[in-house]
């Protein structure tokens, strides 16, 4: 198949097709928690996976090439790629750019898991627009938890 194309490539030849692939994977991708004693914690980590898409859009293979710190993250990334399949057929222009005789397109994806900020830190950033909804949720969730618990 040749060397993999980066899933986040901005190369005009690949960008449109890879965006379709990225969207499908993102729809299936989850953020697992890691068991730590009797609790479940969200951990920051990253991994890289190679996968191949046959010219008809079917998934040929998935392989973790750089593992995350926790195996469950590798599993979630692999499953997201598998569940996103079948992908759109590889466009003829992309197939023409592959190595002669290639049966499909190899792709490398980087998955980044970013743990949520601790709640105490969130209160230090009340003006951050992306956190406003979270503050509203925290306020209403704690209010509803207090009223339903009492």
Protein backbone atom coordinates (compact mmCIF):
# COMPACT_ATOMS: atom_id res chain seq x y z
CA UNK A 1 0.00 0.00 0.00
CA UNK A 2 2.89 2.42 0.59
CA UNK A 3 3.51 4.94 3.37
CA UNK A 4 0.41 6.09 5.27
CA UNK A 5 -1.21 9.48 4.69
CA UNK A 6 -1.78 11.47 7.88
CA UNK A 7 -5.48 11.62 8.73
CA UNK A 8 -5.07 15.34 9.50
CA UNK A 9 -3.26 16.06 6.19
CA UNK A 10 -3.95 19.44 4.63
CA UNK A 11 -2.69 18.29 1.22
CA UNK A 12 -5.44 19.37 -1.22
CA UNK A 13 -5.29 15.98 -2.94
CA UNK A 14 -6.24 14.16 0.29
CA UNK A 15 -8.03 16.73 2.47
CA UNK A 16 -11.65 16.27 1.33
CA UNK A 17 -11.60 12.48 1.47
CA UNK A 18 -9.71 12.35 4.75
CA UNK A 19 -12.19 14.79 6.31
CA UNK A 20 -15.01 12.35 5.49
CA UNK A 21 -13.02 9.50 7.06
CA UNK A 22 -12.15 11.62 10.13
CA UNK A 23 -15.80 12.58 10.67
CA UNK A 24 -16.95 8.96 10.55
CA UNK A 25 -14.32 7.87 13.06
CA UNK A 26 -15.01 10.80 15.37
CA UNK A 27 -18.72 9.85 15.48
CA UNK A 28 -17.77 6.39 16.81
CA UNK A 29 -14.91 7.42 19.13
CA UNK A 30 -15.45 7.44 22.89
CA UNK A 31 -13.42 8.56 25.89
CA UNK A 32 -13.02 5.67 28.33
CA UNK A 33 -12.30 6.00 31.99
CA UNK A 34 -9.52 4.03 33.63
CA UNK A 35 -10.28 2.01 36.75
CA UNK A 36 -8.26 3.24 39.70
CA UNK A 37 -9.24 1.19 42.74
CA UNK A 38 -12.96 1.62 43.17
CA UNK A 39 -13.21 4.77 41.04
CA UNK A 40 -13.01 5.49 37.37
CA UNK A 41 -10.74 8.32 36.20
CA UNK A 42 -10.26 10.03 32.84
CA UNK A 43 -6.58 10.12 31.87
CA UNK A 44 -4.70 12.19 29.29
CA UNK A 45 -2.79 10.14 26.73
CA UNK A 46 -2.31 9.71 23.00
CA UNK A 47 -1.70 6.96 20.48
CA UNK A 48 -1.17 6.43 16.78
CA UNK A 49 -2.93 3.88 14.62
CA UNK A 50 -2.40 2.85 11.01
CA UNK A 51 -5.32 1.52 9.01
CA UNK A 52 -5.97 0.68 5.40
CA UNK A 53 -9.02 1.46 3.33
CA UNK A 54 -9.53 -0.67 0.24
CA UNK A 55 -10.55 1.21 -2.90
CA UNK A 56 -14.17 0.08 -2.37
CA UNK A 57 -14.19 1.69 1.12
CA UNK A 58 -13.89 -1.49 3.18
CA UNK A 59 -11.43 -1.57 6.07
CA UNK A 60 -8.40 -3.73 5.30
CA UNK A 61 -6.48 -3.56 8.60
CA UNK A 62 -6.02 -1.61 11.83
CA UNK A 63 -2.77 -1.59 13.75
CA UNK A 64 -1.67 0.43 16.78
CA UNK A 65 1.81 1.75 15.96
CA UNK A 66 2.30 3.76 19.17
CA UNK A 67 0.26 2.65 22.16
CA UNK A 68 -1.43 4.86 24.72
CA UNK A 69 -0.49 4.72 28.39
CA UNK A 70 -3.53 2.56 29.09
CA UNK A 71 -4.68 -0.36 26.86
CA UNK A 72 -8.34 0.68 27.03
CA UNK A 73 -7.54 3.81 24.99
CA UNK A 74 -5.99 1.65 22.25
CA UNK A 75 -9.13 -0.50 22.25
CA UNK A 76 -11.46 2.49 21.97
CA UNK A 77 -9.48 3.96 19.06
CA UNK A 78 -9.32 0.62 17.23
CA UNK A 79 -13.05 0.06 17.75
CA UNK A 80 -13.88 3.57 16.50
CA UNK A 81 -12.06 2.87 13.24
CA UNK A 82 -13.74 -0.54 12.85
CA UNK A 83 -17.22 0.81 13.65
CA UNK A 84 -16.77 3.72 11.20
CA UNK A 85 -16.27 1.23 8.36
CA UNK A 86 -17.23 0.96 5.56
CA UNK A 87 -15.80 4.29 4.46
CA UNK A 88 -16.55 6.08 1.21
CA UNK A 89 -14.72 4.49 -1.74
CA UNK A 90 -11.24 5.90 -2.26
CA UNK A 91 -11.46 8.46 -5.10
CA UNK A 92 -9.69 7.44 -8.34
CA UNK A 93 -7.33 10.45 -8.08
CA UNK A 94 -6.12 9.20 -4.70
CA UNK A 95 -5.74 5.65 -5.95
CA UNK A 96 -3.65 6.98 -8.86
CA UNK A 97 -1.32 8.61 -6.29
CA UNK A 98 -0.75 5.29 -4.50
CA UNK A 99 2.04 2.86 -5.30
CA UNK A 100 1.36 0.92 -8.55
CA UNK A 101 -0.69 -2.21 -7.86
CA UNK A 102 -1.96 -0.85 -4.54
CA UNK A 103 -5.32 -2.20 -3.37
CA UNK A 104 -6.20 0.80 -1.22
CA UNK A 105 -5.02 3.70 0.89
CA UNK A 106 -3.01 3.50 4.12
CA UNK A 107 -3.76 6.17 6.75
CA UNK A 108 -2.15 7.11 10.06
CA UNK A 109 -4.38 8.62 12.73
CA UNK A 110 -3.31 10.23 15.99
CA UNK A 111 -5.82 9.98 18.84
CA UNK A 112 -5.38 12.46 21.70
CA UNK A 113 -7.29 11.97 24.94
CA UNK A 114 -7.33 15.12 27.06
CA UNK A 115 -8.48 14.67 30.66
CA UNK A 116 -10.98 17.24 31.93
CA UNK A 117 -9.66 20.03 34.13
CA UNK A 118 -10.19 19.63 37.87
CA UNK A 119 -13.30 21.49 39.06
CA UNK A 120 -11.24 23.80 41.26
CA UNK A 121 -9.30 24.92 38.20
CA UNK A 122 -12.52 25.57 36.27
CA UNK A 123 -13.61 28.10 38.88
CA UNK A 124 -10.39 30.06 38.20
CA UNK A 125 -11.42 30.47 34.55
CA UNK A 126 -15.01 31.79 34.66
CA UNK A 127 -14.56 34.01 31.59
CA UNK A 128 -13.48 31.22 29.24
CA UNK A 129 -16.37 30.92 26.73
CA UNK A 130 -15.94 27.17 26.24
CA UNK A 131 -16.40 26.64 29.97
CA UNK A 132 -19.57 28.71 30.47
CA UNK A 133 -21.90 25.82 29.64
CA UNK A 134 -19.99 23.60 32.01
CA UNK A 135 -20.38 26.17 34.79
CA UNK A 136 -24.13 26.39 34.10
CA UNK A 137 -24.37 22.61 34.16
CA UNK A 138 -22.36 22.36 37.37
CA UNK A 139 -24.57 24.98 39.01
CA UNK A 140 -27.85 23.39 37.88
CA UNK A 141 -26.63 19.84 38.50
CA UNK A 142 -25.56 20.63 42.04
CA UNK A 143 -28.84 22.48 42.66
CA UNK A 144 -30.92 19.58 41.38
CA UNK A 145 -28.80 17.08 43.31
CA UNK A 146 -29.34 19.09 46.51
CA UNK A 147 -33.10 19.36 45.98
CA UNK A 148 -33.56 15.69 45.06
CA UNK A 149 -31.34 14.44 47.87
CA UNK A 150 -33.19 16.42 50.53
